[in-house]
Amino acid sequence: MRRLAVVIFVIVLLAAAAATSAYAAKPPAAKPPAAAPPRDFFGMVSEDAFQVIGDYRQMTLATQASLGVGLLRQTFDWSSRSAMNWI
């Protein structure tokens, strides 16, 4: 009876060791690569283009578009008195 208990104990230990080594051998799952932003996502501020009307504005906006700029951000300064002129 004691011999059977030892054999069962050894089998359980071997099974546990095999399960542990099989689990440890698996590489961690790789994270999927982050999606690249759309091509027209690149944005910038171009305050001078909006302060001057005419050829300079057209030239500046055309140059920026040819460089891949797809989004122009407009600065809104809450501390500026001119920002409150629309009220």
C-alpha atoms as a PDB file:
ATOM      1  CA  MET A   1       0.000   0.000   0.000  1.00  0.00           C
ATOM      2  CA  ARG A   2       2.829   2.369   0.887  1.00  0.00           C
ATOM      3  CA  ARG A   3       4.546   1.576  -2.394  1.00  0.00           C
ATOM      4  CA  LEU A   4       1.352   2.440  -4.363  1.00  0.00           C
ATOM      5  CA  ALA A   5       1.099   5.787  -2.534  1.00  0.00           C
ATOM      6  CA  VAL A   6       4.712   6.622  -3.436  1.00  0.00           C
ATOM      7  CA  VAL A   7       4.123   5.706  -7.108  1.00  0.00           C
ATOM      8  CA  ILE A   8       0.984   7.879  -7.251  1.00  0.00           C
ATOM      9  CA  PHE A   9       2.833  10.739  -5.546  1.00  0.00           C
ATOM     10  CA  VAL A  10       5.680  10.520  -8.080  1.00  0.00           C
ATOM     11  CA  ILE A  11       3.209  10.455 -11.003  1.00  0.00           C
ATOM     12  CA  VAL A  12       1.419  13.543  -9.655  1.00  0.00           C
ATOM     13  CA  LEU A  13       4.743  15.364  -9.215  1.00  0.00           C
ATOM     14  CA  LEU A  14       5.822  14.488 -12.761  1.00  0.00           C
ATOM     15  CA  ALA A  15       2.467  15.627 -14.172  1.00  0.00           C
ATOM     16  CA  ALA A  16       2.694  18.916 -12.255  1.00  0.00           C
ATOM     17  CA  ALA A  17       6.265  19.485 -13.453  1.00  0.00           C
ATOM     18  CA  ALA A  18       5.264  18.769 -17.056  1.00  0.00           C
ATOM     19  CA  ALA A  19       2.296  21.123 -16.864  1.00  0.00           C
ATOM     20  CA  THR A  20       4.406  23.863 -15.323  1.00  0.00           C
ATOM     21  CA  SER A  21       7.185  23.569 -17.909  1.00  0.00           C
ATOM     22  CA  ALA A  22       4.661  23.505 -20.771  1.00  0.00           C
ATOM     23  CA  TYR A  23       3.028  26.664 -19.426  1.00  0.00           C
ATOM     24  CA  ALA A  24       6.351  28.426 -18.917  1.00  0.00           C
ATOM     25  CA  ALA A  25       7.563  27.519 -22.426  1.00  0.00           C
ATOM     26  CA  LYS A  26       4.792  29.532 -24.108  1.00  0.00           C
ATOM     27  CA  PRO A  27       5.906  33.009 -25.130  1.00  0.00           C
ATOM     28  CA  PRO A  28       3.729  35.863 -23.933  1.00  0.00           C
ATOM     29  CA  ALA A  29       1.082  36.982 -26.368  1.00  0.00           C
ATOM     30  CA  ALA A  30       2.261  39.874 -28.510  1.00  0.00           C
ATOM     31  CA  LYS A  31       0.255  43.085 -28.491  1.00  0.00           C
ATOM     32  CA  PRO A  32      -1.261  43.984 -31.838  1.00  0.00           C
ATOM     33  CA  PRO A  33       0.525  46.896 -33.504  1.00  0.00           C
ATOM     34  CA  ALA A  34      -1.043  50.282 -33.017  1.00  0.00           C
ATOM     35  CA  ALA A  35      -2.905  51.546 -36.035  1.00  0.00           C
ATOM     36  CA  ALA A  36      -1.196  54.405 -37.808  1.00  0.00           C
ATOM     37  CA  PRO A  37      -3.160  57.646 -37.874  1.00  0.00           C
ATOM     38  CA  PRO A  38      -4.684  58.604 -41.211  1.00  0.00           C
ATOM     39  CA  ARG A  39      -2.408  60.443 -43.623  1.00  0.00           C
ATOM     40  CA  ASP A  40      -4.316  63.700 -43.195  1.00  0.00           C
ATOM     41  CA  PHE A  41      -4.125  63.556 -39.401  1.00  0.00           C
ATOM     42  CA  PHE A  42      -0.954  65.669 -39.206  1.00  0.00           C
ATOM     43  CA  GLY A  43      -2.048  69.082 -37.993  1.00  0.00           C
ATOM     44  CA  MET A  44      -0.392  72.354 -37.097  1.00  0.00           C
ATOM     45  CA  VAL A  45      -1.124  75.942 -36.111  1.00  0.00           C
ATOM     46  CA  SER A  46      -0.651  78.571 -38.808  1.00  0.00           C
ATOM     47  CA  GLU A  47      -1.831  81.829 -37.295  1.00  0.00           C
ATOM     48  CA  ASP A  48      -0.033  83.993 -39.852  1.00  0.00           C
ATOM     49  CA  ALA A  49      -2.027  82.417 -42.685  1.00  0.00           C
ATOM     50  CA  PHE A  50      -5.277  83.569 -41.138  1.00  0.00           C
ATOM     51  CA  GLN A  51      -4.095  87.066 -40.196  1.00  0.00           C
ATOM     52  CA  VAL A  52      -3.288  88.090 -43.777  1.00  0.00           C
ATOM     53  CA  ILE A  53      -5.819  87.960 -46.617  1.00  0.00           C
ATOM     54  CA  GLY A  54      -4.706  87.477 -50.209  1.00  0.00           C
ATOM     55  CA  ASP A  55      -1.808  85.849 -52.037  1.00  0.00           C
ATOM     56  CA  TYR A  56       0.247  85.169 -48.894  1.00  0.00           C
ATOM     57  CA  ARG A  57      -2.583  83.120 -47.388  1.00  0.00           C
ATOM     58  CA  GLN A  58      -3.118  81.152 -50.590  1.00  0.00           C
ATOM     59  CA  MET A  59       0.617  80.464 -50.969  1.00  0.00           C
ATOM     60  CA  THR A  60       1.029  79.452 -47.318  1.00  0.00           C
ATOM     61  CA  LEU A  61      -1.968  77.104 -47.317  1.00  0.00           C
ATOM     62  CA  ALA A  62      -0.904  75.567 -50.650  1.00  0.00           C
ATOM     63  CA  THR A  63       2.631  74.970 -49.352  1.00  0.00           C
ATOM     64  CA  GLN A  64       1.333  73.379 -46.172  1.00  0.00           C
ATOM     65  CA  ALA A  65      -1.051  71.134 -48.113  1.00  0.00           C
ATOM     66  CA  SER A  66       1.788  69.999 -50.408  1.00  0.00           C
ATOM     67  CA  LEU A  67       3.788  69.005 -47.308  1.00  0.00           C
ATOM     68  CA  GLY A  68       0.971  66.778 -46.086  1.00  0.00           C
ATOM     69  CA  VAL A  69      -0.715  69.068 -43.583  1.00  0.00           C
ATOM     70  CA  GLY A  70      -4.353  68.026 -43.463  1.00  0.00           C
ATOM     71  CA  LEU A  71      -5.533  69.858 -40.381  1.00  0.00           C
ATOM     72  CA  LEU A  72      -4.963  73.433 -39.234  1.00  0.00           C
ATOM     73  CA  ARG A  73      -5.726  74.210 -35.617  1.00  0.00           C
ATOM     74  CA  GLN A  74      -6.988  77.630 -34.615  1.00  0.00           C
ATOM     75  CA  THR A  75      -5.692  79.024 -31.333  1.00  0.00           C
ATOM     76  CA  PHE A  76      -8.431  80.304 -29.038  1.00  0.00           C
ATOM     77  CA  ASP A  77      -6.886  82.297 -26.224  1.00  0.00           C
ATOM     78  CA  TRP A  78      -9.444  82.814 -23.445  1.00  0.00           C
ATOM     79  CA  SER A  79      -7.209  85.415 -21.784  1.00  0.00           C
ATOM     80  CA  SER A  80      -7.183  87.608 -24.867  1.00  0.00           C
ATOM     81  CA  ARG A  81      -9.673  90.489 -24.957  1.00  0.00           C
ATOM     82  CA  SER A  82     -10.232  89.922 -28.683  1.00  0.00           C
ATOM     83  CA  ALA A  83     -11.486  86.400 -27.945  1.00  0.00           C
ATOM     84  CA  MET A  84     -14.445  87.947 -26.145  1.00  0.00           C
ATOM     85  CA  ASN A  85     -15.505  90.284 -28.976  1.00  0.00           C
ATOM     86  CA  TRP A  86     -18.147  87.857 -30.216  1.00  0.00           C
ATOM     87  CA  ILE A  87     -20.189  88.130 -27.003  1.00  0.00           C
END
